[in-house]
Amino acid sequence: MAITKKILIVEDVPYLAESLKDLMDFKGYETFVSNSGLDGLAIALEKHPDLILLDIRLPDIDGFEVLRRIRHDAWGQKARILLLTAADVSEELPNDIDIDENDILHKSHWGVENLAARVEGELLD
């Protein structure tokens, strides 16, 4: 029996978070959703998801800070994380964040099938 992969979605726009959750559930993943950075961080450190879809703009702490804190955890050093953004953040990337620009997904550029394919690619063993 295959082990179900876990995905955490940290997104503050409720309809977008639910749409992503519905898509991931449909694809057979166990999905957790958070609408804030601090709550998302707590879920990540407790559940150790196989992939995190992390919005950069969040109401409490931003996605960059969530990423920093996850990376300070032993598990989090190797965690797979894709950043979600509605804006061009290439100028805003903090120097202490080690993330490939290919791991930043612009919300206006991806459709449902593109995102599903990217998630599946990230979760291949």
C-alpha atoms as a PDB file:
ATOM      1  CA  MET A   1       0.000   0.000   0.000  1.00  0.00           C
ATOM      2  CA  ALA A   2       1.389   3.386  -0.997  1.00  0.00           C
ATOM      3  CA  ILE A   3       1.983   6.024   1.630  1.00  0.00           C
ATOM      4  CA  THR A   4      -0.148   9.122   1.073  1.00  0.00           C
ATOM      5  CA  LYS A   5       1.959  12.235   0.553  1.00  0.00           C
ATOM      6  CA  LYS A   6       1.187  15.223   2.766  1.00  0.00           C
ATOM      7  CA  ILE A   7       0.894  18.789   1.507  1.00  0.00           C
ATOM      8  CA  LEU A   8       0.587  21.944   3.587  1.00  0.00           C
ATOM      9  CA  ILE A   9      -0.987  24.997   1.959  1.00  0.00           C
ATOM     10  CA  VAL A  10      -0.286  28.309   3.709  1.00  0.00           C
ATOM     11  CA  GLU A  11      -2.439  30.889   1.929  1.00  0.00           C
ATOM     12  CA  ASP A  12      -4.363  33.811   3.449  1.00  0.00           C
ATOM     13  CA  VAL A  13      -6.982  34.126   0.693  1.00  0.00           C
ATOM     14  CA  PRO A  14      -9.648  31.617   1.808  1.00  0.00           C
ATOM     15  CA  TYR A  15     -11.145  30.809  -1.612  1.00  0.00           C
ATOM     16  CA  LEU A  16      -7.682  30.240  -3.088  1.00  0.00           C
ATOM     17  CA  ALA A  17      -6.620  28.075  -0.145  1.00  0.00           C
ATOM     18  CA  GLU A  18      -9.778  25.974  -0.474  1.00  0.00           C
ATOM     19  CA  SER A  19      -9.393  25.674  -4.251  1.00  0.00           C
ATOM     20  CA  LEU A  20      -5.825  24.436  -3.799  1.00  0.00           C
ATOM     21  CA  LYS A  21      -6.962  22.035  -1.072  1.00  0.00           C
ATOM     22  CA  ASP A  22      -9.734  20.651  -3.285  1.00  0.00           C
ATOM     23  CA  LEU A  23      -7.241  20.101  -6.109  1.00  0.00           C
ATOM     24  CA  MET A  24      -4.711  18.360  -3.858  1.00  0.00           C
ATOM     25  CA  ASP A  25      -7.420  16.224  -2.225  1.00  0.00           C
ATOM     26  CA  PHE A  26      -8.679  15.236  -5.684  1.00  0.00           C
ATOM     27  CA  LYS A  27      -5.135  14.183  -6.607  1.00  0.00           C
ATOM     28  CA  GLY A  28      -5.072  11.919  -3.543  1.00  0.00           C
ATOM     29  CA  TYR A  29      -2.844  13.902  -1.199  1.00  0.00           C
ATOM     30  CA  GLU A  30      -3.448  14.427   2.513  1.00  0.00           C
ATOM     31  CA  THR A  31      -3.819  18.193   2.684  1.00  0.00           C
ATOM     32  CA  PHE A  32      -3.535  20.670   5.539  1.00  0.00           C
ATOM     33  CA  VAL A  33      -4.478  24.347   5.192  1.00  0.00           C
ATOM     34  CA  SER A  34      -3.490  27.412   7.168  1.00  0.00           C
ATOM     35  CA  ASN A  35      -4.417  31.042   6.591  1.00  0.00           C
ATOM     36  CA  SER A  36      -1.547  32.518   8.634  1.00  0.00           C
ATOM     37  CA  GLY A  37       2.214  32.216   8.844  1.00  0.00           C
ATOM     38  CA  LEU A  38       2.441  31.303  12.527  1.00  0.00           C
ATOM     39  CA  ASP A  39      -0.250  28.639  12.282  1.00  0.00           C
ATOM     40  CA  GLY A  40       1.301  27.281   9.087  1.00  0.00           C
ATOM     41  CA  LEU A  41       4.688  27.103  10.794  1.00  0.00           C
ATOM     42  CA  ALA A  42       3.195  25.157  13.713  1.00  0.00           C
ATOM     43  CA  ILE A  43       1.479  22.700  11.352  1.00  0.00           C
ATOM     44  CA  ALA A  44       4.677  22.250   9.319  1.00  0.00           C
ATOM     45  CA  LEU A  45       6.771  21.481  12.391  1.00  0.00           C
ATOM     46  CA  GLU A  46       4.149  19.069  13.739  1.00  0.00           C
ATOM     47  CA  LYS A  47       3.064  17.243  10.557  1.00  0.00           C
ATOM     48  CA  HIS A  48       6.312  17.352   8.505  1.00  0.00           C
ATOM     49  CA  PRO A  49       4.543  17.577   5.140  1.00  0.00           C
ATOM     50  CA  ASP A  50       6.236  16.294   2.000  1.00  0.00           C
ATOM     51  CA  LEU A  51       5.616  19.646   0.299  1.00  0.00           C
ATOM     52  CA  ILE A  52       4.642  23.129   1.460  1.00  0.00           C
ATOM     53  CA  LEU A  53       2.888  25.644  -0.799  1.00  0.00           C
ATOM     54  CA  LEU A  54       3.711  28.885   1.015  1.00  0.00           C
ATOM     55  CA  ASP A  55       2.280  32.294   0.192  1.00  0.00           C
ATOM     56  CA  ILE A  56       4.749  35.137   0.690  1.00  0.00           C
ATOM     57  CA  ARG A  57       2.222  37.776   1.792  1.00  0.00           C
ATOM     58  CA  LEU A  58       0.546  36.637   5.012  1.00  0.00           C
ATOM     59  CA  PRO A  59      -1.276  38.612   7.724  1.00  0.00           C
ATOM     60  CA  ASP A  60       1.055  37.927  10.655  1.00  0.00           C
ATOM     61  CA  ILE A  61       4.555  36.929   9.542  1.00  0.00           C
ATOM     62  CA  ASP A  62       5.512  36.751   5.890  1.00  0.00           C
ATOM     63  CA  GLY A  63       6.401  33.616   3.977  1.00  0.00           C
ATOM     64  CA  PHE A  64      10.105  34.483   4.050  1.00  0.00           C
ATOM     65  CA  GLU A  65      10.069  34.413   7.859  1.00  0.00           C
ATOM     66  CA  VAL A  66       8.105  31.149   7.864  1.00  0.00           C
ATOM     67  CA  LEU A  67      10.723  29.700   5.501  1.00  0.00           C
ATOM     68  CA  ARG A  68      13.579  30.899   7.755  1.00  0.00           C
ATOM     69  CA  ARG A  69      12.011  29.301  10.825  1.00  0.00           C
ATOM     70  CA  ILE A  70      11.290  26.023   9.032  1.00  0.00           C
ATOM     71  CA  ARG A  71      14.911  25.868   7.836  1.00  0.00           C
ATOM     72  CA  HIS A  72      16.123  26.218  11.453  1.00  0.00           C
ATOM     73  CA  ASP A  73      14.448  22.904  12.321  1.00  0.00           C
ATOM     74  CA  ALA A  74      16.388  19.700  11.548  1.00  0.00           C
ATOM     75  CA  TRP A  75      13.483  18.351   9.477  1.00  0.00           C
ATOM     76  CA  GLY A  76      12.968  21.702   7.780  1.00  0.00           C
ATOM     77  CA  GLN A  77      16.475  21.925   6.369  1.00  0.00           C
ATOM     78  CA  LYS A  78      15.438  19.458   3.651  1.00  0.00           C
ATOM     79  CA  ALA A  79      11.737  20.368   3.412  1.00  0.00           C
ATOM     80  CA  ARG A  80      10.368  20.923  -0.097  1.00  0.00           C
ATOM     81  CA  ILE A  81       8.831  24.392  -0.291  1.00  0.00           C
ATOM     82  CA  LEU A  82       7.292  26.292  -3.180  1.00  0.00           C
ATOM     83  CA  LEU A  83       6.627  29.987  -2.593  1.00  0.00           C
ATOM     84  CA  LEU A  84       3.408  31.476  -3.978  1.00  0.00           C
ATOM     85  CA  THR A  85       3.154  35.143  -4.867  1.00  0.00           C
ATOM     86  CA  ALA A  86       0.919  37.568  -6.692  1.00  0.00           C
ATOM     87  CA  ALA A  87       3.769  40.062  -7.181  1.00  0.00           C
ATOM     88  CA  ASP A  88       7.263  40.086  -8.634  1.00  0.00           C
ATOM     89  CA  VAL A  89       9.433  39.419  -5.597  1.00  0.00           C
ATOM     90  CA  SER A  90      12.791  38.984  -7.302  1.00  0.00           C
ATOM     91  CA  GLU A  91      13.878  42.372  -5.919  1.00  0.00           C
ATOM     92  CA  GLU A  92      12.575  41.501  -2.437  1.00  0.00           C
ATOM     93  CA  LEU A  93      14.306  38.155  -1.906  1.00  0.00           C
ATOM     94  CA  PRO A  94      16.208  38.425   1.371  1.00  0.00           C
ATOM     95  CA  ASN A  95      19.898  37.547   1.145  1.00  0.00           C
ATOM     96  CA  ASP A  96      19.587  34.917   3.873  1.00  0.00           C
ATOM     97  CA  ILE A  97      16.890  32.969   2.002  1.00  0.00           C
ATOM     98  CA  ASP A  98      18.265  30.057   0.022  1.00  0.00           C
ATOM     99  CA  ILE A  99      15.588  29.403  -2.576  1.00  0.00           C
ATOM    100  CA  ASP A 100      15.798  28.841  -6.293  1.00  0.00           C
ATOM    101  CA  GLU A 101      13.793  31.326  -8.355  1.00  0.00           C
ATOM    102  CA  ASN A 102      12.161  28.309 -10.041  1.00  0.00           C
ATOM    103  CA  ASP A 103      10.588  27.545  -6.659  1.00  0.00           C
ATOM    104  CA  ILE A 104       8.686  30.840  -6.689  1.00  0.00           C
ATOM    105  CA  LEU A 105       5.336  30.399  -8.413  1.00  0.00           C
ATOM    106  CA  HIS A 106       3.528  33.509  -9.616  1.00  0.00           C
ATOM    107  CA  LYS A 107      -0.194  33.064  -9.038  1.00  0.00           C
ATOM    108  CA  SER A 108      -1.102  34.836 -12.263  1.00  0.00           C
ATOM    109  CA  HIS A 109       1.058  32.462 -14.314  1.00  0.00           C
ATOM    110  CA  TRP A 110      -0.107  29.052 -13.177  1.00  0.00           C
ATOM    111  CA  GLY A 111      -3.288  27.243 -13.940  1.00  0.00           C
ATOM    112  CA  VAL A 112      -4.744  24.265 -12.152  1.00  0.00           C
ATOM    113  CA  GLU A 113      -3.118  21.669 -14.395  1.00  0.00           C
ATOM    114  CA  ASN A 114       0.275  23.408 -14.344  1.00  0.00           C
ATOM    115  CA  LEU A 115       0.261  23.556 -10.565  1.00  0.00           C
ATOM    116  CA  ALA A 116      -0.848  19.927 -10.255  1.00  0.00           C
ATOM    117  CA  ALA A 117       1.957  18.846 -12.598  1.00  0.00           C
ATOM    118  CA  ARG A 118       4.514  20.874 -10.630  1.00  0.00           C
ATOM    119  CA  VAL A 119       3.352  19.387  -7.320  1.00  0.00           C
ATOM    120  CA  GLU A 120       3.505  15.865  -8.730  1.00  0.00           C
ATOM    121  CA  GLY A 121       7.004  16.547 -10.048  1.00  0.00           C
ATOM    122  CA  GLU A 122       8.136  17.785  -6.639  1.00  0.00           C
ATOM    123  CA  LEU A 123       6.754  14.706  -4.908  1.00  0.00           C
ATOM    124  CA  LEU A 124       8.365  12.083  -7.137  1.00  0.00           C
ATOM    125  CA  ASP A 125      10.774   9.985  -5.133  1.00  0.00           C
END
